[in-house]
Amino acid sequence: MKSVERALRDIAAHPDVRLVSFRQLVEWLEVQDPAVLAKLRTLKVGQQPADWREYTTA
């Protein structure tokens, strides 16, 4: 558990990272544009698009 705690502290230290509960994640996903989510589902696991703007607008 100490390793997990250390990892989470390291991850949380990044300014653009938010650690949220599963409930918060689900609530956020529920208000997203379905067209944008459909585009994001075309990416492979861990794949980052060259231009995020193509995936953040419907």
PDB file of N, CA and C in Angstrom:
ATOM      1  N   MET A   1       0.816  -1.197   0.000  1.00  0.00           N
ATOM      2  CA  MET A   1       0.000   0.000   0.000  1.00  0.00           C
ATOM      3  C   MET A   1       0.857   1.256   0.000  1.00  0.00           C
ATOM      4  N   LYS A   2       2.043   1.184   0.589  1.00  0.00           N
ATOM      5  CA  LYS A   2       2.909   2.364   0.577  1.00  0.00           C
ATOM      6  C   LYS A   2       3.305   2.725  -0.851  1.00  0.00           C
ATOM      7  N   SER A   3       3.525   1.705  -1.687  1.00  0.00           N
ATOM      8  CA  SER A   3       3.875   1.971  -3.084  1.00  0.00           C
ATOM      9  C   SER A   3       2.717   2.626  -3.828  1.00  0.00           C
ATOM     10  N   VAL A   4       1.516   2.163  -3.568  1.00  0.00           N
ATOM     11  CA  VAL A   4       0.326   2.752  -4.196  1.00  0.00           C
ATOM     12  C   VAL A   4       0.174   4.201  -3.757  1.00  0.00           C
ATOM     13  N   GLU A   5       0.328   4.430  -2.467  1.00  0.00           N
ATOM     14  CA  GLU A   5       0.217   5.791  -1.940  1.00  0.00           C
ATOM     15  C   GLU A   5       1.269   6.700  -2.564  1.00  0.00           C
ATOM     16  N   ARG A   6       2.485   6.208  -2.675  1.00  0.00           N
ATOM     17  CA  ARG A   6       3.568   6.991  -3.281  1.00  0.00           C
ATOM     18  C   ARG A   6       3.256   7.310  -4.746  1.00  0.00           C
ATOM     19  N   ALA A   7       2.767   6.301  -5.464  1.00  0.00           N
ATOM     20  CA  ALA A   7       2.433   6.498  -6.876  1.00  0.00           C
ATOM     21  C   ALA A   7       1.330   7.542  -7.037  1.00  0.00           C
ATOM     22  N   LEU A   8       0.301   7.451  -6.207  1.00  0.00           N
ATOM     23  CA  LEU A   8      -0.801   8.419  -6.297  1.00  0.00           C
ATOM     24  C   LEU A   8      -0.328   9.830  -5.963  1.00  0.00           C
ATOM     25  N   ARG A   9       0.552   9.952  -4.994  1.00  0.00           N
ATOM     26  CA  ARG A   9       1.087  11.286  -4.667  1.00  0.00           C
ATOM     27  C   ARG A   9       1.890  11.844  -5.840  1.00  0.00           C
ATOM     28  N   ASP A  10       2.678  10.989  -6.479  1.00  0.00           N
ATOM     29  CA  ASP A  10       3.461  11.435  -7.643  1.00  0.00           C
ATOM     30  C   ASP A  10       2.545  11.853  -8.786  1.00  0.00           C
ATOM     31  N   ILE A  11       1.523  11.054  -9.015  1.00  0.00           N
ATOM     32  CA  ILE A  11       0.573  11.362 -10.094  1.00  0.00           C
ATOM     33  C   ILE A  11      -0.176  12.660  -9.792  1.00  0.00           C
ATOM     34  N   ALA A  12      -0.648  12.797  -8.557  1.00  0.00           N
ATOM     35  CA  ALA A  12      -1.437  13.969  -8.175  1.00  0.00           C
ATOM     36  C   ALA A  12      -0.617  15.254  -8.185  1.00  0.00           C
ATOM     37  N   ALA A  13       0.691  15.143  -8.153  1.00  0.00           N
ATOM     38  CA  ALA A  13       1.542  16.332  -8.130  1.00  0.00           C
ATOM     39  C   ALA A  13       1.556  17.063  -9.470  1.00  0.00           C
ATOM     40  N   HIS A  14       1.135  16.406 -10.532  1.00  0.00           N
ATOM     41  CA  HIS A  14       1.104  17.054 -11.849  1.00  0.00           C
ATOM     42  C   HIS A  14      -0.058  18.046 -11.908  1.00  0.00           C
ATOM     43  N   PRO A  15       0.186  19.260 -12.395  1.00  0.00           N
ATOM     44  CA  PRO A  15      -0.851  20.302 -12.356  1.00  0.00           C
ATOM     45  C   PRO A  15      -2.086  19.997 -13.203  1.00  0.00           C
ATOM     46  N   ASP A  16      -1.950  19.173 -14.237  1.00  0.00           N
ATOM     47  CA  ASP A  16      -3.097  18.903 -15.111  1.00  0.00           C
ATOM     48  C   ASP A  16      -3.796  17.583 -14.777  1.00  0.00           C
ATOM     49  N   VAL A  17      -3.487  16.983 -13.651  1.00  0.00           N
ATOM     50  CA  VAL A  17      -4.077  15.712 -13.239  1.00  0.00           C
ATOM     51  C   VAL A  17      -5.107  15.959 -12.143  1.00  0.00           C
ATOM     52  N   ARG A  18      -6.251  15.292 -12.278  1.00  0.00           N
ATOM     53  CA  ARG A  18      -7.295  15.373 -11.258  1.00  0.00           C
ATOM     54  C   ARG A  18      -7.619  13.954 -10.825  1.00  0.00           C
ATOM     55  N   LEU A  19      -7.513  13.667  -9.556  1.00  0.00           N
ATOM     56  CA  LEU A  19      -7.932  12.384  -9.017  1.00  0.00           C
ATOM     57  C   LEU A  19      -9.367  12.548  -8.534  1.00  0.00           C
ATOM     58  N   VAL A  20     -10.250  11.760  -9.096  1.00  0.00           N
ATOM     59  CA  VAL A  20     -11.668  11.883  -8.779  1.00  0.00           C
ATOM     60  C   VAL A  20     -12.235  10.518  -8.423  1.00  0.00           C
ATOM     61  N   SER A  21     -13.395  10.529  -7.803  1.00  0.00           N
ATOM     62  CA  SER A  21     -14.072   9.274  -7.489  1.00  0.00           C
ATOM     63  C   SER A  21     -14.697   8.718  -8.770  1.00  0.00           C
ATOM     64  N   PHE A  22     -15.044   7.436  -8.722  1.00  0.00           N
ATOM     65  CA  PHE A  22     -15.709   6.822  -9.873  1.00  0.00           C
ATOM     66  C   PHE A  22     -17.026   7.538 -10.145  1.00  0.00           C
ATOM     67  N   ARG A  23     -17.739   7.904  -9.111  1.00  0.00           N
ATOM     68  CA  ARG A  23     -19.016   8.616  -9.269  1.00  0.00           C
ATOM     69  C   ARG A  23     -18.797   9.946 -10.004  1.00  0.00           C
ATOM     70  N   GLN A  24     -17.765  10.694  -9.625  1.00  0.00           N
ATOM     71  CA  GLN A  24     -17.476  11.964 -10.298  1.00  0.00           C
ATOM     72  C   GLN A  24     -17.143  11.733 -11.767  1.00  0.00           C
ATOM     73  N   LEU A  25     -16.393  10.681 -12.052  1.00  0.00           N
ATOM     74  CA  LEU A  25     -16.057  10.362 -13.438  1.00  0.00           C
ATOM     75  C   LEU A  25     -17.312  10.054 -14.245  1.00  0.00           C
ATOM     76  N   VAL A  26     -18.183   9.226 -13.702  1.00  0.00           N
ATOM     77  CA  VAL A  26     -19.420   8.870 -14.395  1.00  0.00           C
ATOM     78  C   VAL A  26     -20.286  10.101 -14.628  1.00  0.00           C
ATOM     79  N   GLU A  27     -20.421  10.948 -13.613  1.00  0.00           N
ATOM     80  CA  GLU A  27     -21.221  12.164 -13.772  1.00  0.00           C
ATOM     81  C   GLU A  27     -20.648  13.059 -14.860  1.00  0.00           C
ATOM     82  N   TRP A  28     -19.325  13.152 -14.928  1.00  0.00           N
ATOM     83  CA  TRP A  28     -18.679  13.965 -15.968  1.00  0.00           C
ATOM     84  C   TRP A  28     -18.926  13.362 -17.342  1.00  0.00           C
ATOM     85  N   LEU A  29     -18.776  12.039 -17.440  1.00  0.00           N
ATOM     86  CA  LEU A  29     -18.993  11.380 -18.733  1.00  0.00           C
ATOM     87  C   LEU A  29     -20.428  11.550 -19.223  1.00  0.00           C
ATOM     88  N   GLU A  30     -21.373  11.522 -18.297  1.00  0.00           N
ATOM     89  CA  GLU A  30     -22.783  11.635 -18.678  1.00  0.00           C
ATOM     90  C   GLU A  30     -23.136  12.979 -19.301  1.00  0.00           C
ATOM     91  N   VAL A  31     -22.368  14.010 -19.044  1.00  0.00           N
ATOM     92  CA  VAL A  31     -22.686  15.329 -19.608  1.00  0.00           C
ATOM     93  C   VAL A  31     -21.831  15.662 -20.832  1.00  0.00           C
ATOM     94  N   GLN A  32     -21.024  14.719 -21.284  1.00  0.00           N
ATOM     95  CA  GLN A  32     -20.196  14.964 -22.458  1.00  0.00           C
ATOM     96  C   GLN A  32     -21.008  14.782 -23.732  1.00  0.00           C
ATOM     97  N   ASP A  33     -20.567  15.442 -24.775  1.00  0.00           N
ATOM     98  CA  ASP A  33     -21.212  15.354 -26.080  1.00  0.00           C
ATOM     99  C   ASP A  33     -21.032  13.938 -26.630  1.00  0.00           C
ATOM    100  N   PRO A  34     -22.125  13.231 -26.940  1.00  0.00           N
ATOM    101  CA  PRO A  34     -22.011  11.866 -27.457  1.00  0.00           C
ATOM    102  C   PRO A  34     -21.168  11.766 -28.736  1.00  0.00           C
ATOM    103  N   ALA A  35     -21.204  12.782 -29.567  1.00  0.00           N
ATOM    104  CA  ALA A  35     -20.406  12.761 -30.808  1.00  0.00           C
ATOM    105  C   ALA A  35     -18.918  12.797 -30.492  1.00  0.00           C
ATOM    106  N   VAL A  36     -18.544  13.579 -29.489  1.00  0.00           N
ATOM    107  CA  VAL A  36     -17.135  13.657 -29.086  1.00  0.00           C
ATOM    108  C   VAL A  36     -16.702  12.325 -28.490  1.00  0.00           C
ATOM    109  N   LEU A  37     -17.531  11.739 -27.639  1.00  0.00           N
ATOM    110  CA  LEU A  37     -17.202  10.444 -27.053  1.00  0.00           C
ATOM    111  C   LEU A  37     -17.050   9.376 -28.126  1.00  0.00           C
ATOM    112  N   ALA A  38     -17.898   9.418 -29.151  1.00  0.00           N
ATOM    113  CA  ALA A  38     -17.787   8.451 -30.248  1.00  0.00           C
ATOM    114  C   ALA A  38     -16.445   8.593 -30.965  1.00  0.00           C
ATOM    115  N   LYS A  39     -16.005   9.823 -31.166  1.00  0.00           N
ATOM    116  CA  LYS A  39     -14.691  10.050 -31.793  1.00  0.00           C
ATOM    117  C   LYS A  39     -13.582   9.510 -30.909  1.00  0.00           C
ATOM    118  N   LEU A  40     -13.670   9.761 -29.609  1.00  0.00           N
ATOM    119  CA  LEU A  40     -12.641   9.295 -28.687  1.00  0.00           C
ATOM    120  C   LEU A  40     -12.568   7.773 -28.643  1.00  0.00           C
ATOM    121  N   ARG A  41     -13.689   7.108 -28.835  1.00  0.00           N
ATOM    122  CA  ARG A  41     -13.706   5.642 -28.818  1.00  0.00           C
ATOM    123  C   ARG A  41     -12.988   5.038 -30.008  1.00  0.00           C
ATOM    124  N   THR A  42     -12.710   5.830 -31.018  1.00  0.00           N
ATOM    125  CA  THR A  42     -11.981   5.302 -32.180  1.00  0.00           C
ATOM    126  C   THR A  42     -10.485   5.193 -31.897  1.00  0.00           C
ATOM    127  N   LEU A  43     -10.017   5.816 -30.822  1.00  0.00           N
ATOM    128  CA  LEU A  43      -8.602   5.738 -30.468  1.00  0.00           C
ATOM    129  C   LEU A  43      -8.305   4.395 -29.807  1.00  0.00           C
ATOM    130  N   LYS A  44      -7.108   3.898 -30.022  1.00  0.00           N
ATOM    131  CA  LYS A  44      -6.683   2.681 -29.342  1.00  0.00           C
ATOM    132  C   LYS A  44      -6.333   3.024 -27.895  1.00  0.00           C
ATOM    133  N   VAL A  45      -6.314   2.026 -27.041  1.00  0.00           N
ATOM    134  CA  VAL A  45      -5.975   2.238 -25.629  1.00  0.00           C
ATOM    135  C   VAL A  45      -4.595   2.872 -25.531  1.00  0.00           C
ATOM    136  N   GLY A  46      -4.529   3.989 -24.834  1.00  0.00           N
ATOM    137  CA  GLY A  46      -3.258   4.688 -24.652  1.00  0.00           C
ATOM    138  C   GLY A  46      -2.834   5.563 -25.824  1.00  0.00           C
ATOM    139  N   GLN A  47      -3.576   5.527 -26.906  1.00  0.00           N
ATOM    140  CA  GLN A  47      -3.229   6.334 -28.083  1.00  0.00           C
ATOM    141  C   GLN A  47      -3.589   7.786 -27.857  1.00  0.00           C
ATOM    142  N   GLN A  48      -2.677   8.659 -28.223  1.00  0.00           N
ATOM    143  CA  GLN A  48      -2.929  10.095 -28.122  1.00  0.00           C
ATOM    144  C   GLN A  48      -2.988  10.659 -29.531  1.00  0.00           C
ATOM    145  N   PRO A  49      -4.042  11.396 -29.853  1.00  0.00           N
ATOM    146  CA  PRO A  49      -4.138  11.968 -31.198  1.00  0.00           C
ATOM    147  C   PRO A  49      -3.093  13.053 -31.417  1.00  0.00           C
ATOM    148  N   ALA A  50      -2.733  13.253 -32.660  1.00  0.00           N
ATOM    149  CA  ALA A  50      -1.775  14.305 -33.000  1.00  0.00           C
ATOM    150  C   ALA A  50      -2.339  15.677 -32.667  1.00  0.00           C
ATOM    151  N   ASP A  51      -3.645  15.840 -32.842  1.00  0.00           N
ATOM    152  CA  ASP A  51      -4.297  17.133 -32.575  1.00  0.00           C
ATOM    153  C   ASP A  51      -5.584  16.885 -31.790  1.00  0.00           C
ATOM    154  N   TRP A  52      -5.563  17.211 -30.500  1.00  0.00           N
ATOM    155  CA  TRP A  52      -6.725  16.982 -29.651  1.00  0.00           C
ATOM    156  C   TRP A  52      -7.944  17.760 -30.114  1.00  0.00           C
ATOM    157  N   ARG A  53      -7.731  18.867 -30.813  1.00  0.00           N
ATOM    158  CA  ARG A  53      -8.879  19.670 -31.272  1.00  0.00           C
ATOM    159  C   ARG A  53      -9.791  18.871 -32.179  1.00  0.00           C
ATOM    160  N   GLU A  54      -9.247  17.892 -32.891  1.00  0.00           N
ATOM    161  CA  GLU A  54     -10.073  17.045 -33.744  1.00  0.00           C
ATOM    162  C   GLU A  54     -11.019  16.161 -32.930  1.00  0.00           C
ATOM    163  N   TYR A  55     -10.707  15.948 -31.680  1.00  0.00           N
ATOM    164  CA  TYR A  55     -11.488  15.059 -30.827  1.00  0.00           C
ATOM    165  C   TYR A  55     -12.308  15.779 -29.776  1.00  0.00           C
ATOM    166  N   THR A  56     -12.148  17.064 -29.662  1.00  0.00           N
ATOM    167  CA  THR A  56     -12.865  17.786 -28.613  1.00  0.00           C
ATOM    168  C   THR A  56     -13.994  18.649 -29.144  1.00  0.00           C
ATOM    169  N   THR A  57     -14.212  18.612 -30.441  1.00  0.00           N
ATOM    170  CA  THR A  57     -15.344  19.334 -31.027  1.00  0.00           C
ATOM    171  C   THR A  57     -16.109  18.376 -31.909  1.00  0.00           C
ATOM    172  N   ALA A  58     -17.416  18.423 -31.809  1.00  0.00           N
ATOM    173  CA  ALA A  58     -18.270  17.495 -32.578  1.00  0.00           C
ATOM    174  C   ALA A  58     -18.369  17.920 -34.013  1.00  0.00           C
TER     175      ALA A  58
END
